[in-house]
Each structure stands twice: as C-alpha cells, then as structure tokens.
Amino acid sequence: MKYFLIAGEASGDLHASNLMRALKKIDPQSDFRFLGGDQMQSVGGTLVGHYRDLAFMGFIPVLTHLYTIVARLNACKRSIKAYQPDVVILVDYPGFNLKIAEYVKRQLHLPVYYYISPKIWAWKEYRIRKIKKYVDRMLCILPFEADFYRKHDYPVVYVGNPTMDALARRDRKAESFEEFIQLNNLENKPVIALLAGSRKQEIKDNLPAMLEAAGAFGEYQPVVAGAPGIDPSFYGKFTRQQNVRVVSGQTYRLLQQAKAALVTSGTATLETALLRVPQAVCYKVPFKHLSSFVFEKFFSCKYISLVNLIAGKTVVRELFGKDFTVQQIRDELDLLLHDEKYRKKMTEGYREVTKKLGTTGASKKAAQCAFLD
C-alpha cells in the first residue's frame, strides 16, 4: 500500500516514524511519502517537506509567514494528488491537517485517518464537525479522548499511547550517571533538566526564566535538552553567559539522570512523568493575567499538561499565565529537589498515569487499523 503522512512538529515526527516502522512489519510492500522530519526520513520513503519550515506559533508569527504556510499547503495537496496514496494519515497539527483532510475527501475521495487527535476537547470543539465530515477514522492516544468523541457520536479507537513505545525502544536504558556526564563533558553534580519546547518561540519565551530559576541552586547543574530540528547554536544566546551545557538528541538519557526537570507543556511532560522525574510545568504566555482569565473561563479543560489531564487531577504544578514567574519556578524547584514527601507524592501520581495509559503497542495497533481496515 501507499501511505501519505503529515506530521507538523517534533513529537508528531517521532510518533509517525514509529507508526511507519509498524506498518512496514505488517505491510512489507509499504511505500511512504510524507511531510515530516528526520525521524520519519530515517525509516525511508520520500520527504516532500520538513516540519521545521512550518514551526510557527502564535497569531503574529503565523500571520507574517502566511504566504509560506499557504504555499506549503498547496504543495502538499499537489503531492498527494500526484502520489494517489491508498490512505492519508494525519498526525495532530490541526490547523494544517484539517484543511488537507477536507481537500482529500472532497477532491480526491481517498480514505483519511487521523493519528493523535487534535486537542479539540480543550478548545475549538466546533472542529468536531469537520472531523466527522472529512476523517474516516480517529485513532486516539489519550484515554479520555475516546469518551469525548463518543459523546459526539463519532467512532474512535483508543490505540494506547505511542510515548510508551518510544520509551520502551529507547537506547542506553542502563546508562550510569558517570557515563552520561563523561560522554557529555558535564560536571559531577546532580542534574536539573530544562526542556523549553520544540519551537524557537517557545524556547525564547521559556528558557531564560528556567535558567534564572535553576541558577539559584549552585550544588546542581542545569542542562538543556536540545530540541530536534533546532540548531544547537540557537541556544547559545541564552546559555553562554551562564556556561550551561546543551545536549541534543538525548532527551530521554538526560531525563534518566535528572534529579528534577522544568518542562514546557506538551508531550515532554508525559515523557518526564513516565521516566519518573519530578517536574514543574512552565509555560509563558503573553498578557499573562488575561491569559489566565481566558483559560479559566473559556477552555473546557482544567489543565494544560498531559500528566494532569490523564490523571484527572493535579499531579504536577502548572506555572503559566500569572503563575509564570522566576520566583514561583524557583520555589517549586526547591520542593522538587529537597522535599522527599513532595517528590514521593508526585511519583505516586505518575504511577496512576502509567496505569491509565495501559501497555505498549500503540504503533502496532494504529498500523493494523490503517492497513487492515
């Protein structure tokens, strides 16, 4: 079969690549064409565009790069039409992918599957109308998403969470702290991991405050996880003055060795939880008091982190909006590092999250849905 996949960011690239590997196992004749990233490219197939060229977030950046986005959207449509795949598989990234879904169903009449649901349960619930109209099957990766879609009389499959698969197949699981610091030329001090996001704007917004907060704990060393698709030199303007190291392509290895972590909301919060690292979720937004008000009054979910959303309660502290300050980040980090009772309560919450997610095998189950259905 011929598969056309679209992933618009780093986490989607990772999970789509694992899906592609699973498809190759059950469909040896599989042929891939995709808009994605390096992880997908490593599996094989034809890359028609890289997600880093579309990594714009926020109203102003999107508006100023509108020509680029529209041009890439049209190029993607042309690629799908020329390729004539047996199925189109969309991975999250709703602003772009729902337009593709509409085009594929209306103009090409091809099957459309969605792997990793857009977060319409949090906001923009009206998008359910487009999904019901243009998406043949939704493959969910969060337990509560299935209930949301069933409420709207839309058939879904909960396939499990691919982060479980990614962690299970990670390398250097047994790496010691000594090996890690030696290979990365780090100091012999406990590590505070800083995961400031996968996009440049997120990094610009979040990393300075994270570095300032972590810098108050001289007996520890902050280490920045370099995001896929971001040149390591980009971090220099933030880290050079404090002589903080950046390690790229080693996020899981870094978390394995960390005493605590400061994490920008996203898949990274779940990865950190599954690796049992105490964390604070830090996310800077413009007009912080207004943003807090809008979230509390107009969003249909109570949390911004996947950890708390899956648990259905507060497991990790979320510092965003009016709560995103260096002092509050520093105070929370102090608890994470030094209060054993606080750390234990958090890791107990992590166990509940892991239990709710179930076992590994999400990529295999999603592949079976895409191929066998």
Protein backbone atom coordinates (compact mmCIF):
# COMPACT_ATOMS: atom_id res chain seq x y z
CA MET A 1 0.00 0.00 0.00
CA LYS A 2 0.93 3.63 -0.47
CA TYR A 3 0.76 5.91 2.58
CA PHE A 4 0.93 9.70 2.70
CA LEU A 5 1.64 11.03 6.22
CA ILE A 6 1.74 14.57 7.60
CA ALA A 7 3.38 15.48 10.92
CA GLY A 8 3.92 19.16 11.72
CA GLU A 9 6.19 19.07 14.76
CA ALA A 10 8.88 17.08 16.57
CA SER A 11 6.63 14.82 18.66
CA GLY A 12 4.47 14.04 15.63
CA ASP A 13 7.60 13.21 13.64
CA LEU A 14 8.67 10.73 16.34
CA HIS A 15 5.31 9.01 16.65
CA ALA A 16 4.73 8.95 12.89
CA SER A 17 8.13 7.31 12.41
CA ASN A 18 7.20 4.54 14.86
CA LEU A 19 3.89 4.09 13.06
CA MET A 20 5.78 3.75 9.76
CA ARG A 21 8.04 1.08 11.26
CA ALA A 22 4.98 -0.84 12.46
CA LEU A 23 3.37 -0.53 9.01
CA LYS A 24 6.49 -1.94 7.35
CA LYS A 25 6.27 -5.02 9.55
CA ILE A 26 2.69 -5.88 8.59
CA ASP A 27 2.91 -4.48 5.05
CA PRO A 28 6.31 -5.29 3.52
CA GLN A 29 5.27 -3.53 0.29
CA SER A 30 4.52 -0.28 2.09
CA ASP A 31 5.61 2.90 0.33
CA PHE A 32 5.74 6.23 2.14
CA ARG A 33 5.59 9.84 1.12
CA PHE A 34 5.38 12.45 3.85
CA LEU A 35 5.65 15.93 5.22
CA GLY A 36 7.57 15.38 8.45
CA GLY A 37 11.06 15.32 9.84
CA ASP A 38 14.32 13.49 10.36
CA GLN A 39 12.79 10.62 12.34
CA MET A 40 10.36 9.78 9.55
CA GLN A 41 13.08 10.16 6.95
CA SER A 42 15.21 7.61 8.81
CA VAL A 43 12.51 4.98 8.24
CA GLY A 44 12.51 5.51 4.49
CA GLY A 45 10.29 6.97 1.79
CA THR A 46 10.10 10.40 0.19
CA LEU A 47 10.20 13.59 2.25
CA VAL A 48 8.21 16.31 0.47
CA GLY A 49 8.72 18.97 3.14
CA HIS A 50 10.24 19.38 6.61
CA TYR A 51 8.12 20.42 9.58
CA ARG A 52 10.73 22.97 10.70
CA ASP A 53 9.63 25.14 7.76
CA LEU A 54 6.17 25.34 9.33
CA ALA A 55 7.12 25.72 13.01
CA PHE A 56 5.24 28.97 13.62
CA MET A 57 3.13 29.51 16.72
CA GLY A 58 1.09 32.46 17.88
CA PHE A 59 -1.09 34.83 15.86
CA ILE A 60 1.61 37.27 14.72
CA PRO A 61 4.22 34.67 13.57
CA VAL A 62 1.53 32.76 11.68
CA LEU A 63 0.25 35.95 10.06
CA THR A 64 3.72 37.13 8.97
CA HIS A 65 4.51 33.69 7.49
CA LEU A 66 1.10 33.17 5.93
CA TYR A 67 2.47 33.08 2.38
CA THR A 68 4.90 30.31 3.33
CA ILE A 69 2.18 28.30 5.08
CA VAL A 70 -0.26 28.60 2.17
CA ALA A 71 2.47 27.72 -0.33
CA ARG A 72 3.39 24.60 1.65
CA LEU A 73 -0.29 23.66 1.99
CA ASN A 74 -0.78 23.88 -1.77
CA ALA A 75 2.44 21.98 -2.45
CA CYS A 76 1.27 19.25 -0.08
CA LYS A 77 -2.06 18.97 -1.89
CA ARG A 78 -0.26 18.63 -5.22
CA SER A 79 1.99 15.92 -3.81
CA ILE A 80 -0.97 13.90 -2.53
CA LYS A 81 -2.80 14.23 -5.85
CA ALA A 82 0.24 13.13 -7.84
CA TYR A 83 1.02 10.25 -5.48
CA GLN A 84 -2.56 8.91 -5.22
CA PRO A 85 -2.00 7.06 -1.93
CA ASP A 86 -4.22 4.28 -0.62
CA VAL A 87 -4.67 6.25 2.60
CA VAL A 88 -3.69 9.65 4.03
CA ILE A 89 -2.63 9.62 7.69
CA LEU A 90 -2.69 12.93 9.55
CA VAL A 91 -0.78 13.39 12.83
CA ASP A 92 -2.09 16.14 15.17
CA TYR A 93 -1.30 19.65 13.72
CA PRO A 94 -5.00 20.54 13.16
CA GLY A 95 -4.80 23.99 11.51
CA PHE A 96 -2.93 22.48 8.56
CA ASN A 97 -4.19 18.90 8.62
CA LEU A 98 -7.90 19.60 8.73
CA LYS A 99 -7.55 21.66 5.54
CA ILE A 100 -5.74 18.71 3.96
CA ALA A 101 -8.49 16.34 5.15
CA GLU A 102 -11.16 18.49 3.53
CA TYR A 103 -9.25 18.63 0.23
CA VAL A 104 -8.54 14.88 0.18
CA LYS A 105 -12.17 13.90 0.84
CA ARG A 106 -13.79 16.49 -1.40
CA GLN A 107 -11.41 16.43 -4.36
CA LEU A 108 -9.63 13.07 -4.29
CA HIS A 109 -12.16 10.88 -2.41
CA LEU A 110 -9.39 8.99 -0.61
CA PRO A 111 -9.51 7.47 2.91
CA VAL A 112 -8.32 9.82 5.66
CA TYR A 113 -7.16 8.55 9.06
CA TYR A 114 -6.16 10.78 11.96
CA TYR A 115 -3.49 9.50 14.36
CA ILE A 116 -3.10 11.61 17.52
CA SER A 117 -6.21 13.71 17.82
CA PRO A 118 -6.20 17.50 17.71
CA LYS A 119 -6.92 18.85 21.17
CA ILE A 120 -10.44 19.94 20.30
CA TRP A 121 -11.57 18.69 23.72
CA ALA A 122 -9.67 21.66 25.19
CA TRP A 123 -10.86 24.35 22.82
CA LYS A 124 -12.29 24.79 19.31
CA GLU A 125 -14.73 21.95 19.94
CA TYR A 126 -16.59 23.07 16.82
CA ARG A 127 -13.87 21.35 14.78
CA ILE A 128 -15.68 18.08 15.51
CA ARG A 129 -17.94 18.94 12.56
CA LYS A 130 -15.03 18.90 10.12
CA ILE A 131 -13.61 15.74 11.64
CA LYS A 132 -16.94 13.90 11.33
CA LYS A 133 -17.25 15.09 7.74
CA TYR A 134 -13.72 14.57 6.41
CA VAL A 135 -11.97 12.00 8.64
CA ASP A 136 -12.87 8.32 8.26
CA ARG A 137 -11.27 7.08 11.48
CA MET A 138 -9.80 8.75 14.55
CA LEU A 139 -7.05 6.84 16.35
CA CYS A 140 -6.79 8.31 19.86
CA ILE A 141 -3.76 8.11 22.15
CA LEU A 142 -5.28 9.53 25.36
CA PRO A 143 -7.92 7.53 27.29
CA PHE A 144 -10.30 10.43 27.89
CA GLU A 145 -10.37 11.35 24.17
CA ALA A 146 -12.39 8.25 23.34
CA ASP A 147 -15.17 9.36 25.71
CA PHE A 148 -15.12 12.85 24.20
CA TYR A 149 -15.63 11.59 20.63
CA ARG A 150 -18.26 9.03 21.61
CA LYS A 151 -20.19 11.88 23.22
CA HIS A 152 -20.34 13.35 19.71
CA ASP A 153 -21.42 10.01 18.16
CA TYR A 154 -18.15 9.64 16.30
CA PRO A 155 -16.40 6.24 16.06
CA VAL A 156 -12.91 6.19 17.55
CA VAL A 157 -10.27 3.66 18.52
CA TYR A 158 -8.05 4.10 21.57
CA VAL A 159 -4.78 2.53 20.43
CA GLY A 160 -2.72 3.29 23.53
CA ASN A 161 -0.06 5.94 23.85
CA PRO A 162 2.95 5.91 21.49
CA THR A 163 5.14 7.59 24.09
CA MET A 164 5.12 4.23 25.89
CA ASP A 165 6.52 2.64 22.71
CA ALA A 166 9.14 5.36 22.23
CA LEU A 167 10.39 4.94 25.78
CA ALA A 168 10.41 1.15 25.55
CA ARG A 169 12.64 1.21 22.49
CA ARG A 170 14.99 3.98 23.66
CA ASP A 171 18.69 3.26 23.72
CA ARG A 172 21.11 3.36 26.68
CA LYS A 173 18.44 2.45 29.25
CA ALA A 174 21.10 1.19 31.66
CA GLU A 175 23.48 4.13 31.23
CA SER A 176 25.03 5.27 34.52
CA PHE A 177 25.26 8.87 35.69
CA GLU A 178 29.06 8.67 35.42
CA GLU A 179 28.88 7.50 31.80
CA PHE A 180 26.40 10.23 30.90
CA ILE A 181 28.35 13.14 32.34
CA GLN A 182 31.62 11.85 30.93
CA LEU A 183 30.26 11.45 27.40
CA ASN A 184 28.75 14.94 27.52
CA ASN A 185 31.62 16.66 29.34
CA LEU A 186 29.38 17.66 32.27
CA GLU A 187 30.27 18.43 35.87
CA ASN A 188 29.97 15.82 38.60
CA LYS A 189 26.87 17.47 40.05
CA PRO A 190 23.21 16.36 40.17
CA VAL A 191 21.31 17.45 37.06
CA ILE A 192 18.30 19.72 36.62
CA ALA A 193 16.88 19.04 33.13
CA LEU A 194 15.46 22.02 31.22
CA LEU A 195 13.03 21.15 28.40
CA ALA A 196 12.00 24.52 26.99
CA GLY A 197 9.92 23.41 23.99
CA SER A 198 10.37 22.28 20.40
CA ARG A 199 9.85 25.62 18.64
CA LYS A 200 12.12 28.66 18.63
CA GLN A 201 9.42 30.95 20.01
CA GLU A 202 8.75 28.59 22.92
CA ILE A 203 12.45 28.43 23.70
CA LYS A 204 12.80 32.24 23.58
CA ASP A 205 9.84 32.62 25.92
CA ASN A 206 10.57 29.90 28.47
CA LEU A 207 14.30 29.18 28.65
CA PRO A 208 15.54 32.48 30.20
CA ALA A 209 13.22 32.15 33.21
CA MET A 210 14.05 28.45 33.58
CA LEU A 211 17.78 29.21 33.56
CA GLU A 212 17.41 32.02 36.09
CA ALA A 213 15.36 29.85 38.45
CA ALA A 214 17.68 26.84 38.16
CA GLY A 215 20.75 29.04 38.61
CA ALA A 216 19.81 29.62 42.25
CA PHE A 217 20.80 26.04 43.12
CA GLY A 218 24.58 26.08 42.86
CA GLU A 219 25.00 22.49 44.04
CA TYR A 220 23.14 21.33 40.90
CA GLN A 221 23.90 21.80 37.20
CA PRO A 222 21.11 22.82 34.79
CA VAL A 223 21.36 21.01 31.44
CA VAL A 224 19.23 22.00 28.44
CA ALA A 225 17.65 19.35 26.22
CA GLY A 226 18.25 20.46 22.63
CA ALA A 227 15.06 20.00 20.59
CA PRO A 228 15.02 18.12 17.28
CA GLY A 229 15.21 20.47 14.30
CA ILE A 230 16.76 23.29 16.38
CA ASP A 231 20.41 24.06 15.68
CA PRO A 232 22.40 23.80 18.95
CA SER A 233 23.93 27.23 18.25
CA PHE A 234 20.45 28.78 18.71
CA TYR A 235 20.66 28.10 22.44
CA GLY A 236 23.96 29.97 22.78
CA LYS A 237 22.39 33.40 23.23
CA PHE A 238 20.59 32.09 26.34
CA THR A 239 23.15 29.70 27.83
CA ARG A 240 26.55 31.21 27.02
CA GLN A 241 26.62 33.72 29.86
CA GLN A 242 25.81 31.08 32.48
CA ASN A 243 28.04 28.43 30.90
CA VAL A 244 25.15 25.95 30.74
CA ARG A 245 25.51 22.86 28.56
CA VAL A 246 23.05 21.82 25.85
CA VAL A 247 22.71 18.15 24.91
CA SER A 248 20.89 17.43 21.64
CA GLY A 249 19.24 14.18 20.63
CA GLN A 250 19.50 12.84 24.19
CA THR A 251 16.29 13.95 25.92
CA TYR A 252 15.43 10.54 27.38
CA ARG A 253 19.01 9.97 28.50
CA LEU A 254 19.07 13.40 30.15
CA LEU A 255 15.80 12.77 31.97
CA GLN A 256 17.05 9.38 33.17
CA GLN A 257 19.85 11.15 35.00
CA ALA A 258 17.93 14.21 36.24
CA LYS A 259 17.03 14.89 39.84
CA ALA A 260 14.20 17.20 38.68
CA ALA A 261 13.01 18.90 35.49
CA LEU A 262 11.46 22.15 34.30
CA VAL A 263 9.30 21.29 31.31
CA THR A 264 7.31 23.30 28.79
CA SER A 265 3.83 21.84 28.36
CA GLY A 266 3.44 19.19 25.68
CA THR A 267 4.42 15.58 25.11
CA ALA A 268 7.58 16.25 27.12
CA THR A 269 5.55 16.48 30.34
CA LEU A 270 4.28 12.94 29.78
CA GLU A 271 7.74 11.64 28.85
CA THR A 272 9.13 13.15 32.05
CA ALA A 273 6.37 11.53 34.11
CA LEU A 274 6.86 8.09 32.55
CA LEU A 275 10.56 8.33 33.39
CA ARG A 276 9.57 9.17 37.00
CA VAL A 277 11.31 12.57 37.13
CA PRO A 278 9.71 15.18 39.45
CA GLN A 279 8.80 18.20 37.32
CA ALA A 280 7.26 21.64 37.15
CA VAL A 281 5.39 22.60 34.00
CA CYS A 282 6.44 26.09 32.87
CA TYR A 283 4.76 27.92 30.00
CA LYS A 284 5.00 31.62 29.35
CA VAL A 285 2.12 33.30 27.55
CA PRO A 286 1.59 36.96 26.56
CA PHE A 287 -0.75 39.11 28.67
CA LYS A 288 -0.39 36.62 31.49
CA HIS A 289 -3.29 37.77 33.68
CA LEU A 290 -5.66 37.95 30.71
CA SER A 291 -4.47 34.54 29.52
CA SER A 292 -5.18 33.00 32.93
CA PHE A 293 -8.66 34.52 32.89
CA VAL A 294 -9.38 33.25 29.36
CA PHE A 295 -8.18 29.75 30.22
CA GLU A 296 -10.27 29.57 33.37
CA LYS A 297 -13.43 30.94 31.75
CA PHE A 298 -13.39 29.72 28.16
CA PHE A 299 -11.37 26.49 27.96
CA SER A 300 -13.24 23.25 28.54
CA CYS A 301 -10.37 21.54 30.40
CA LYS A 302 -8.84 22.28 33.78
CA TYR A 303 -5.18 21.59 32.97
CA ILE A 304 -2.53 22.32 30.34
CA SER A 305 -0.24 19.33 30.98
CA LEU A 306 -0.89 15.83 29.69
CA VAL A 307 0.08 14.41 33.09
CA ASN A 308 -2.74 16.21 34.91
CA LEU A 309 -5.21 15.75 32.07
CA ILE A 310 -4.72 11.97 32.07
CA ALA A 311 -4.76 11.76 35.87
CA GLY A 312 -7.85 13.96 36.08
CA LYS A 313 -6.27 15.81 38.99
CA THR A 314 -3.22 17.91 39.88
CA VAL A 315 -0.14 15.71 39.91
CA VAL A 316 2.37 18.34 38.76
CA ARG A 317 2.33 22.11 39.32
CA GLU A 318 1.45 24.13 36.23
CA LEU A 319 3.15 27.54 36.14
CA PHE A 320 1.63 29.53 33.31
CA GLY A 321 -0.19 32.81 32.88
CA LYS A 322 0.01 34.82 36.09
CA ASP A 323 1.87 31.97 37.84
CA PHE A 324 4.80 32.00 35.42
CA THR A 325 7.40 33.95 37.39
CA VAL A 326 11.04 33.20 38.17
CA GLN A 327 10.27 33.22 41.89
CA GLN A 328 7.43 30.72 41.61
CA ILE A 329 9.50 28.45 39.36
CA ARG A 330 12.38 28.67 41.86
CA ASP A 331 10.11 27.88 44.83
CA GLU A 332 8.61 24.87 43.07
CA LEU A 333 12.04 23.62 42.03
CA ASP A 334 13.18 23.86 45.64
CA LEU A 335 10.35 21.50 46.64
CA LEU A 336 11.13 19.10 43.80
CA LEU A 337 14.79 18.92 44.78
CA HIS A 338 14.62 18.87 48.55
CA ASP A 339 11.19 17.75 49.82
CA GLU A 340 11.15 13.94 49.70
CA LYS A 341 7.49 13.70 50.72
CA TYR A 342 6.53 16.06 47.89
CA ARG A 343 8.61 14.07 45.39
CA LYS A 344 7.09 10.79 46.52
CA LYS A 345 3.53 12.06 46.17
CA MET A 346 4.28 13.19 42.61
CA THR A 347 5.82 9.88 41.56
CA GLU A 348 2.82 8.04 43.04
CA GLY A 349 0.65 10.17 40.75
CA TYR A 350 2.88 9.15 37.86
CA ARG A 351 2.13 5.50 38.58
CA GLU A 352 -1.60 6.20 38.24
CA VAL A 353 -1.00 7.91 34.89
CA THR A 354 1.04 4.96 33.62
CA LYS A 355 -1.72 2.54 34.66
CA LYS A 356 -4.37 4.56 32.81
CA LEU A 357 -2.32 4.59 29.61
CA GLY A 358 -2.07 0.80 29.51
CA THR A 359 0.69 -1.23 27.90
CA THR A 360 2.92 -0.65 24.89
CA GLY A 361 1.82 -1.44 21.35
CA ALA A 362 0.13 1.80 20.23
CA SER A 363 2.11 1.99 16.98
CA LYS A 364 1.30 -1.63 16.11
CA LYS A 365 -2.40 -1.22 16.82
CA ALA A 366 -2.58 2.03 14.83
CA ALA A 367 -0.77 0.36 11.93
CA GLN A 368 -3.25 -2.50 11.94
CA CYS A 369 -6.12 -0.01 11.79
CA ALA A 370 -4.53 1.83 8.87
CA PHE A 371 -3.63 -1.31 6.91
CA LEU A 372 -6.24 -3.94 7.78
CA ASP A 373 -9.30 -1.69 7.84
